[in-house]
N, C-alpha and C. Protein backbone atom coordinates (compact mmCIF):
# COMPACT_ATOMS: atom_id res chain seq x y z
N MET A 1 0.85 -1.17 0.00
CA MET A 1 0.00 0.00 0.00
C MET A 1 0.89 1.23 0.00
N GLU A 2 0.44 2.22 -0.71
CA GLU A 2 1.21 3.45 -0.79
C GLU A 2 0.31 4.65 -0.53
N LEU A 3 0.87 5.66 0.12
CA LEU A 3 0.18 6.92 0.36
C LEU A 3 0.90 8.00 -0.43
N TRP A 4 0.17 8.67 -1.32
CA TRP A 4 0.72 9.73 -2.16
C TRP A 4 0.05 11.04 -1.80
N ASP A 5 0.78 12.16 -1.91
CA ASP A 5 0.15 13.45 -1.67
C ASP A 5 -0.34 14.03 -3.00
N ALA A 6 -1.01 15.17 -2.94
CA ALA A 6 -1.61 15.77 -4.13
C ALA A 6 -0.57 16.20 -5.16
N ASP A 7 0.67 16.39 -4.74
CA ASP A 7 1.74 16.79 -5.67
C ASP A 7 2.37 15.60 -6.38
N GLY A 8 1.91 14.38 -6.06
CA GLY A 8 2.46 13.20 -6.69
C GLY A 8 3.71 12.66 -6.01
N THR A 9 3.91 13.03 -4.75
CA THR A 9 5.07 12.56 -3.99
C THR A 9 4.65 11.39 -3.11
N LEU A 10 5.43 10.32 -3.17
CA LEU A 10 5.17 9.16 -2.32
C LEU A 10 5.49 9.54 -0.88
N ARG A 11 4.49 9.44 0.01
CA ARG A 11 4.67 9.81 1.41
C ARG A 11 5.04 8.61 2.27
N LYS A 12 4.37 7.47 2.02
CA LYS A 12 4.62 6.26 2.81
C LYS A 12 4.39 5.04 1.93
N ARG A 13 5.10 3.99 2.28
CA ARG A 13 4.87 2.70 1.64
C ARG A 13 4.79 1.67 2.76
N TYR A 14 3.77 0.83 2.69
CA TYR A 14 3.61 -0.23 3.68
C TYR A 14 3.45 -1.54 2.92
N THR A 15 4.34 -2.49 3.20
CA THR A 15 4.24 -3.80 2.57
C THR A 15 3.89 -4.83 3.64
N ARG A 16 3.12 -5.80 3.25
CA ARG A 16 2.67 -6.83 4.20
C ARG A 16 2.75 -8.17 3.50
N ASP A 17 3.49 -9.09 4.08
CA ASP A 17 3.58 -10.45 3.57
C ASP A 17 3.12 -11.37 4.70
N ALA A 18 1.95 -11.97 4.54
CA ALA A 18 1.37 -12.81 5.59
C ALA A 18 1.44 -14.28 5.18
N ASP A 19 1.97 -15.13 6.04
CA ASP A 19 2.10 -16.54 5.70
C ASP A 19 0.75 -17.25 5.60
N TRP A 20 -0.30 -16.70 6.21
CA TRP A 20 -1.62 -17.32 6.14
C TRP A 20 -2.36 -16.97 4.85
N PHE A 21 -1.84 -16.02 4.06
CA PHE A 21 -2.46 -15.64 2.80
C PHE A 21 -1.82 -16.46 1.69
N ALA A 22 -2.57 -17.40 1.15
CA ALA A 22 -2.03 -18.30 0.12
C ALA A 22 -1.58 -17.50 -1.09
N ARG A 23 -0.43 -17.86 -1.63
CA ARG A 23 0.13 -17.17 -2.80
C ARG A 23 -0.87 -17.22 -3.95
N TYR A 24 -1.00 -16.10 -4.64
CA TYR A 24 -1.97 -15.98 -5.73
C TYR A 24 -1.22 -15.63 -7.00
N ASP A 25 -0.72 -16.65 -7.69
CA ASP A 25 0.01 -16.45 -8.94
C ASP A 25 -0.92 -16.42 -10.15
N ARG A 26 -1.99 -17.20 -10.07
CA ARG A 26 -2.95 -17.26 -11.17
C ARG A 26 -4.27 -17.78 -10.61
N ALA A 27 -5.33 -17.49 -11.32
CA ALA A 27 -6.65 -17.96 -10.90
C ALA A 27 -6.75 -19.46 -11.13
N THR A 28 -7.30 -20.16 -10.16
CA THR A 28 -7.52 -21.60 -10.29
C THR A 28 -8.96 -21.92 -9.93
N ASN A 29 -9.49 -22.97 -10.52
CA ASN A 29 -10.83 -23.42 -10.19
C ASN A 29 -10.81 -24.17 -8.88
N LEU A 30 -11.90 -24.09 -8.17
CA LEU A 30 -12.07 -24.90 -6.97
C LEU A 30 -12.14 -26.36 -7.40
N ALA A 31 -11.27 -27.18 -6.86
CA ALA A 31 -11.20 -28.59 -7.22
C ALA A 31 -10.63 -29.35 -6.01
N PRO A 32 -10.65 -30.69 -6.02
CA PRO A 32 -10.17 -31.43 -4.86
C PRO A 32 -8.80 -31.00 -4.37
N GLY A 33 -7.88 -30.66 -5.27
CA GLY A 33 -6.55 -30.23 -4.86
C GLY A 33 -6.37 -28.72 -4.82
N ASN A 34 -7.43 -27.96 -5.11
CA ASN A 34 -7.36 -26.50 -5.15
C ASN A 34 -8.41 -25.89 -4.23
N PRO A 35 -8.04 -25.54 -3.01
CA PRO A 35 -9.00 -24.89 -2.12
C PRO A 35 -9.33 -23.49 -2.63
N PRO A 36 -10.35 -22.85 -2.09
CA PRO A 36 -10.67 -21.48 -2.50
C PRO A 36 -9.46 -20.58 -2.32
N GLN A 37 -9.25 -19.68 -3.26
CA GLN A 37 -8.09 -18.79 -3.22
C GLN A 37 -8.33 -17.64 -2.24
N SER A 38 -7.27 -17.27 -1.54
CA SER A 38 -7.33 -16.10 -0.67
C SER A 38 -7.59 -14.87 -1.53
N ARG A 39 -8.34 -13.93 -0.94
CA ARG A 39 -8.62 -12.71 -1.70
C ARG A 39 -8.90 -11.56 -0.75
N GLY A 40 -8.35 -10.42 -1.10
CA GLY A 40 -8.63 -9.21 -0.34
C GLY A 40 -10.04 -8.76 -0.64
N ILE A 41 -10.78 -8.40 0.40
CA ILE A 41 -12.18 -8.02 0.23
C ILE A 41 -12.38 -6.53 0.38
N GLY A 42 -11.78 -5.93 1.39
CA GLY A 42 -11.98 -4.51 1.58
C GLY A 42 -11.10 -3.95 2.68
N VAL A 43 -11.04 -2.63 2.73
CA VAL A 43 -10.29 -1.93 3.77
C VAL A 43 -11.11 -0.76 4.27
N TRP A 44 -10.85 -0.38 5.49
CA TRP A 44 -11.43 0.83 6.06
C TRP A 44 -10.30 1.54 6.81
N PHE A 45 -10.07 2.81 6.50
CA PHE A 45 -9.01 3.57 7.16
C PHE A 45 -9.65 4.58 8.11
N ASP A 46 -9.30 4.48 9.37
CA ASP A 46 -9.79 5.41 10.40
C ASP A 46 -8.80 6.57 10.48
N GLN A 47 -9.15 7.70 9.89
CA GLN A 47 -8.23 8.84 9.83
C GLN A 47 -7.95 9.43 11.21
N ARG A 48 -8.88 9.27 12.15
CA ARG A 48 -8.66 9.80 13.51
C ARG A 48 -7.50 9.11 14.20
N THR A 49 -7.39 7.79 14.00
CA THR A 49 -6.40 6.99 14.72
C THR A 49 -5.22 6.55 13.86
N GLY A 50 -5.37 6.63 12.55
CA GLY A 50 -4.33 6.13 11.65
C GLY A 50 -4.32 4.62 11.55
N LEU A 51 -5.45 3.99 11.87
CA LEU A 51 -5.54 2.53 11.81
C LEU A 51 -6.23 2.09 10.53
N LEU A 52 -5.64 1.10 9.89
CA LEU A 52 -6.19 0.51 8.68
C LEU A 52 -6.76 -0.87 9.04
N TRP A 53 -8.03 -1.07 8.75
CA TRP A 53 -8.70 -2.35 8.99
C TRP A 53 -8.80 -3.06 7.64
N THR A 54 -8.27 -4.28 7.54
CA THR A 54 -8.32 -5.04 6.30
C THR A 54 -9.17 -6.28 6.49
N ILE A 55 -9.89 -6.65 5.42
CA ILE A 55 -10.73 -7.84 5.42
C ILE A 55 -10.25 -8.75 4.30
N VAL A 56 -9.94 -10.00 4.64
CA VAL A 56 -9.44 -10.97 3.67
C VAL A 56 -10.21 -12.27 3.85
N HIS A 57 -10.60 -12.88 2.74
CA HIS A 57 -11.19 -14.22 2.78
C HIS A 57 -10.10 -15.25 2.51
N VAL A 58 -10.08 -16.30 3.32
CA VAL A 58 -9.13 -17.40 3.16
C VAL A 58 -9.93 -18.71 3.21
N ALA A 59 -9.33 -19.77 2.73
CA ALA A 59 -10.02 -21.07 2.71
C ALA A 59 -10.30 -21.54 4.14
N ASP A 60 -11.52 -21.95 4.37
CA ASP A 60 -11.89 -22.58 5.63
C ASP A 60 -11.20 -23.94 5.68
N PRO A 61 -10.73 -24.39 6.84
CA PRO A 61 -10.09 -25.72 6.90
C PRO A 61 -11.00 -26.85 6.40
N ARG A 62 -12.31 -26.66 6.52
CA ARG A 62 -13.27 -27.67 6.06
C ARG A 62 -14.00 -27.19 4.79
N TRP A 63 -13.27 -26.54 3.89
CA TRP A 63 -13.88 -25.91 2.72
C TRP A 63 -14.64 -26.88 1.83
N ARG A 64 -14.25 -28.14 1.82
CA ARG A 64 -14.93 -29.12 0.95
C ARG A 64 -16.39 -29.30 1.35
N ASP A 65 -16.73 -29.02 2.63
CA ASP A 65 -18.13 -29.14 3.08
C ASP A 65 -19.06 -28.17 2.36
N GLY A 66 -18.54 -27.07 1.85
CA GLY A 66 -19.37 -26.07 1.17
C GLY A 66 -19.31 -26.17 -0.34
N ALA A 67 -18.56 -27.13 -0.86
CA ALA A 67 -18.41 -27.28 -2.31
C ALA A 67 -19.38 -28.33 -2.84
N GLY A 68 -19.78 -28.14 -4.08
CA GLY A 68 -20.65 -29.10 -4.73
C GLY A 68 -19.86 -30.25 -5.31
N PRO A 69 -20.53 -31.18 -5.97
CA PRO A 69 -19.85 -32.33 -6.55
C PRO A 69 -18.93 -31.93 -7.70
N LEU A 70 -17.90 -32.72 -7.90
CA LEU A 70 -16.92 -32.49 -8.96
C LEU A 70 -17.60 -32.52 -10.32
N ARG A 71 -17.28 -31.50 -11.13
CA ARG A 71 -17.83 -31.42 -12.48
C ARG A 71 -16.69 -31.26 -13.49
N ARG A 72 -17.00 -31.54 -14.73
CA ARG A 72 -16.01 -31.37 -15.80
C ARG A 72 -16.56 -30.37 -16.82
N ALA A 73 -15.68 -29.47 -17.23
CA ALA A 73 -16.06 -28.49 -18.26
C ALA A 73 -14.79 -27.90 -18.86
N ASP A 74 -14.82 -27.59 -20.14
CA ASP A 74 -13.70 -26.97 -20.84
C ASP A 74 -12.39 -27.70 -20.61
N GLY A 75 -12.43 -29.03 -20.58
CA GLY A 75 -11.22 -29.83 -20.44
C GLY A 75 -10.65 -29.88 -19.04
N GLY A 76 -11.38 -29.38 -18.05
CA GLY A 76 -10.87 -29.40 -16.68
C GLY A 76 -11.94 -29.81 -15.69
N GLU A 77 -11.52 -29.89 -14.44
CA GLU A 77 -12.43 -30.25 -13.37
C GLU A 77 -12.62 -29.05 -12.45
N TYR A 78 -13.81 -28.95 -11.89
CA TYR A 78 -14.06 -27.90 -10.91
C TYR A 78 -15.18 -28.35 -9.97
N MET A 79 -15.26 -27.68 -8.86
CA MET A 79 -16.32 -27.92 -7.88
C MET A 79 -17.03 -26.59 -7.67
N PRO A 80 -18.33 -26.53 -7.86
CA PRO A 80 -19.03 -25.26 -7.62
C PRO A 80 -19.09 -24.95 -6.13
N ILE A 81 -19.13 -23.68 -5.82
CA ILE A 81 -19.30 -23.26 -4.42
C ILE A 81 -20.80 -23.25 -4.13
N HIS A 82 -21.20 -24.05 -3.16
CA HIS A 82 -22.61 -24.09 -2.77
C HIS A 82 -22.87 -23.25 -1.52
N ASP A 83 -21.86 -23.09 -0.69
CA ASP A 83 -22.06 -22.36 0.56
C ASP A 83 -20.78 -21.58 0.90
N ARG A 84 -20.75 -20.28 0.58
CA ARG A 84 -19.56 -19.47 0.83
C ARG A 84 -19.20 -19.43 2.31
N GLN A 85 -20.19 -19.53 3.18
CA GLN A 85 -19.92 -19.49 4.62
C GLN A 85 -19.12 -20.70 5.08
N ARG A 86 -19.23 -21.79 4.35
CA ARG A 86 -18.48 -23.00 4.70
C ARG A 86 -17.18 -23.11 3.92
N ASP A 87 -17.08 -22.42 2.79
CA ASP A 87 -15.86 -22.45 1.98
C ASP A 87 -14.79 -21.48 2.50
N TYR A 88 -15.22 -20.36 3.06
CA TYR A 88 -14.29 -19.30 3.45
C TYR A 88 -14.37 -18.96 4.93
N ASP A 89 -13.25 -18.52 5.46
CA ASP A 89 -13.17 -17.82 6.73
C ASP A 89 -12.75 -16.39 6.41
N THR A 90 -12.90 -15.50 7.38
CA THR A 90 -12.48 -14.11 7.21
C THR A 90 -11.39 -13.80 8.21
N ILE A 91 -10.37 -13.12 7.75
CA ILE A 91 -9.34 -12.61 8.66
C ILE A 91 -9.42 -11.09 8.61
N VAL A 92 -9.56 -10.48 9.79
CA VAL A 92 -9.54 -9.03 9.92
C VAL A 92 -8.24 -8.66 10.63
N GLU A 93 -7.49 -7.76 10.02
CA GLU A 93 -6.27 -7.24 10.64
C GLU A 93 -6.44 -5.75 10.85
N VAL A 94 -5.89 -5.28 11.97
CA VAL A 94 -5.84 -3.85 12.25
C VAL A 94 -4.37 -3.46 12.23
N ILE A 95 -4.04 -2.53 11.32
CA ILE A 95 -2.66 -2.14 11.10
C ILE A 95 -2.47 -0.67 11.46
N ASP A 96 -1.47 -0.39 12.28
CA ASP A 96 -1.08 0.99 12.56
C ASP A 96 -0.15 1.41 11.43
N VAL A 97 -0.67 2.23 10.51
CA VAL A 97 0.12 2.57 9.33
C VAL A 97 1.28 3.50 9.67
N ASN A 98 1.17 4.27 10.74
CA ASN A 98 2.26 5.16 11.13
C ASN A 98 3.45 4.37 11.68
N ALA A 99 3.15 3.35 12.48
CA ALA A 99 4.21 2.51 13.06
C ALA A 99 4.60 1.37 12.12
N GLY A 100 3.74 1.06 11.13
CA GLY A 100 4.04 -0.02 10.20
C GLY A 100 3.98 -1.38 10.84
N ARG A 101 2.98 -1.58 11.75
CA ARG A 101 2.88 -2.90 12.39
C ARG A 101 1.43 -3.31 12.58
N VAL A 102 1.23 -4.62 12.63
CA VAL A 102 -0.09 -5.18 12.85
C VAL A 102 -0.39 -5.13 14.35
N LEU A 103 -1.50 -4.50 14.72
CA LEU A 103 -1.89 -4.42 16.13
C LEU A 103 -2.76 -5.60 16.55
N SER A 104 -3.56 -6.09 15.63
CA SER A 104 -4.49 -7.16 15.97
C SER A 104 -4.85 -7.96 14.72
N ARG A 105 -5.11 -9.24 14.94
CA ARG A 105 -5.57 -10.12 13.86
C ARG A 105 -6.60 -11.05 14.46
N ARG A 106 -7.71 -11.23 13.74
CA ARG A 106 -8.75 -12.13 14.23
C ARG A 106 -9.34 -12.90 13.06
N ARG A 107 -9.47 -14.20 13.23
CA ARG A 107 -10.07 -15.06 12.21
C ARG A 107 -11.50 -15.36 12.62
N PHE A 108 -12.42 -15.21 11.67
CA PHE A 108 -13.84 -15.48 11.90
C PHE A 108 -14.29 -16.60 10.99
N ASP A 109 -15.14 -17.48 11.50
CA ASP A 109 -15.73 -18.53 10.68
C ASP A 109 -16.79 -17.87 9.80
N GLY A 110 -16.75 -18.12 8.51
CA GLY A 110 -17.69 -17.49 7.59
C GLY A 110 -17.13 -16.21 7.02
N THR A 111 -17.97 -15.45 6.34
CA THR A 111 -17.48 -14.28 5.62
C THR A 111 -18.04 -12.97 6.17
N VAL A 112 -17.16 -12.01 6.25
CA VAL A 112 -17.50 -10.61 6.43
C VAL A 112 -17.14 -9.99 5.08
N ASP A 113 -18.07 -9.30 4.44
CA ASP A 113 -17.89 -8.95 3.04
C ASP A 113 -17.64 -7.48 2.73
N ILE A 114 -18.18 -6.58 3.54
CA ILE A 114 -18.18 -5.18 3.13
C ILE A 114 -17.82 -4.28 4.31
N PRO A 115 -16.75 -3.46 4.20
CA PRO A 115 -16.54 -2.42 5.21
C PRO A 115 -17.46 -1.24 4.86
N ILE A 116 -18.23 -0.78 5.83
CA ILE A 116 -19.14 0.33 5.53
C ILE A 116 -18.83 1.56 6.38
N GLY A 117 -17.67 1.54 7.06
CA GLY A 117 -17.19 2.72 7.77
C GLY A 117 -17.47 2.72 9.25
N ALA A 118 -16.71 3.55 9.97
CA ALA A 118 -16.87 3.74 11.41
C ALA A 118 -16.93 2.42 12.18
N GLY A 119 -16.11 1.46 11.78
CA GLY A 119 -16.06 0.18 12.47
C GLY A 119 -17.19 -0.76 12.13
N LEU A 120 -18.03 -0.40 11.18
CA LEU A 120 -19.15 -1.25 10.79
C LEU A 120 -18.80 -2.08 9.56
N PHE A 121 -19.16 -3.35 9.64
CA PHE A 121 -18.89 -4.29 8.56
C PHE A 121 -20.15 -5.12 8.32
N ALA A 122 -20.33 -5.58 7.09
CA ALA A 122 -21.53 -6.33 6.75
C ALA A 122 -21.17 -7.63 6.06
N GLY A 123 -22.09 -8.59 6.18
CA GLY A 123 -21.99 -9.85 5.47
C GLY A 123 -23.24 -10.04 4.63
N VAL A 124 -23.07 -10.37 3.37
CA VAL A 124 -24.19 -10.58 2.46
C VAL A 124 -24.68 -12.00 2.65
N ARG A 125 -25.97 -12.14 2.92
CA ARG A 125 -26.56 -13.46 3.20
C ARG A 125 -27.83 -13.65 2.39
N GLU A 126 -28.34 -14.89 2.39
CA GLU A 126 -29.63 -15.21 1.77
C GLU A 126 -30.44 -16.06 2.73
N THR A 127 -31.75 -15.84 2.75
CA THR A 127 -32.64 -16.69 3.52
C THR A 127 -32.76 -18.03 2.80
N ALA A 128 -33.40 -19.00 3.43
CA ALA A 128 -33.61 -20.31 2.80
C ALA A 128 -34.41 -20.18 1.50
N GLU A 129 -35.23 -19.12 1.42
CA GLU A 129 -36.04 -18.90 0.22
C GLU A 129 -35.29 -18.11 -0.86
N GLY A 130 -34.05 -17.69 -0.56
CA GLY A 130 -33.25 -16.97 -1.55
C GLY A 130 -33.33 -15.46 -1.47
N ALA A 131 -33.99 -14.91 -0.45
CA ALA A 131 -34.09 -13.45 -0.31
C ALA A 131 -32.80 -12.92 0.32
N PRO A 132 -32.19 -11.87 -0.26
CA PRO A 132 -30.94 -11.34 0.28
C PRO A 132 -31.17 -10.47 1.53
N TYR A 133 -30.18 -10.47 2.41
CA TYR A 133 -30.19 -9.57 3.57
C TYR A 133 -28.75 -9.36 4.01
N LEU A 134 -28.52 -8.38 4.89
CA LEU A 134 -27.19 -8.08 5.42
C LEU A 134 -27.13 -8.39 6.91
N GLU A 135 -26.04 -9.01 7.33
CA GLU A 135 -25.71 -9.10 8.75
C GLU A 135 -24.74 -7.96 9.02
N LEU A 136 -24.90 -7.27 10.13
CA LEU A 136 -24.03 -6.15 10.47
C LEU A 136 -23.24 -6.46 11.73
N TRP A 137 -21.96 -6.04 11.72
CA TRP A 137 -21.10 -6.18 12.89
C TRP A 137 -20.43 -4.83 13.16
N ARG A 138 -20.20 -4.54 14.41
CA ARG A 138 -19.37 -3.40 14.78
C ARG A 138 -18.13 -3.99 15.44
N LEU A 139 -16.97 -3.74 14.83
CA LEU A 139 -15.72 -4.24 15.35
C LEU A 139 -14.99 -3.10 16.06
N THR A 140 -14.46 -3.40 17.23
CA THR A 140 -13.70 -2.41 17.98
C THR A 140 -12.38 -3.01 18.41
N LEU A 141 -11.42 -2.15 18.63
CA LEU A 141 -10.11 -2.58 19.10
C LEU A 141 -9.98 -2.08 20.53
N VAL A 142 -9.73 -3.00 21.46
CA VAL A 142 -9.59 -2.64 22.87
C VAL A 142 -8.24 -3.14 23.38
N ALA A 143 -7.68 -2.39 24.31
CA ALA A 143 -6.41 -2.80 24.91
C ALA A 143 -6.63 -3.98 25.84
N PRO A 144 -5.65 -4.91 25.90
CA PRO A 144 -5.81 -6.09 26.77
C PRO A 144 -5.77 -5.71 28.24
């Protein structure tokens, strides 16, 4: 991540290499040997505190429980995702961008999908009948 000013000058650079984020060299289909790929979902920057909240989806350890049966198409094999909540977990990290360090990391079962500001995050869901709705969470960082 980089912070640039209005004059086009690079002010800060922050790099993050996390061992829990599976390397993403190319897109792969979900298949018996290919778990869901890690993917960045969103960020929220709290300008008051200088804290950056990141949301990342990673493969759930039991991801196969949310996948459909193996199918063949276009000369390859794939498994459709039937239940994203069972295929993915969410990792939320809080990063102090001024100090360049991770203050907190938390893994959640299921997905948190959208940062909507002021510590509020949402998950896109469907009822059994297929009607969409949002689950809302307020995440806070507290000292131990």
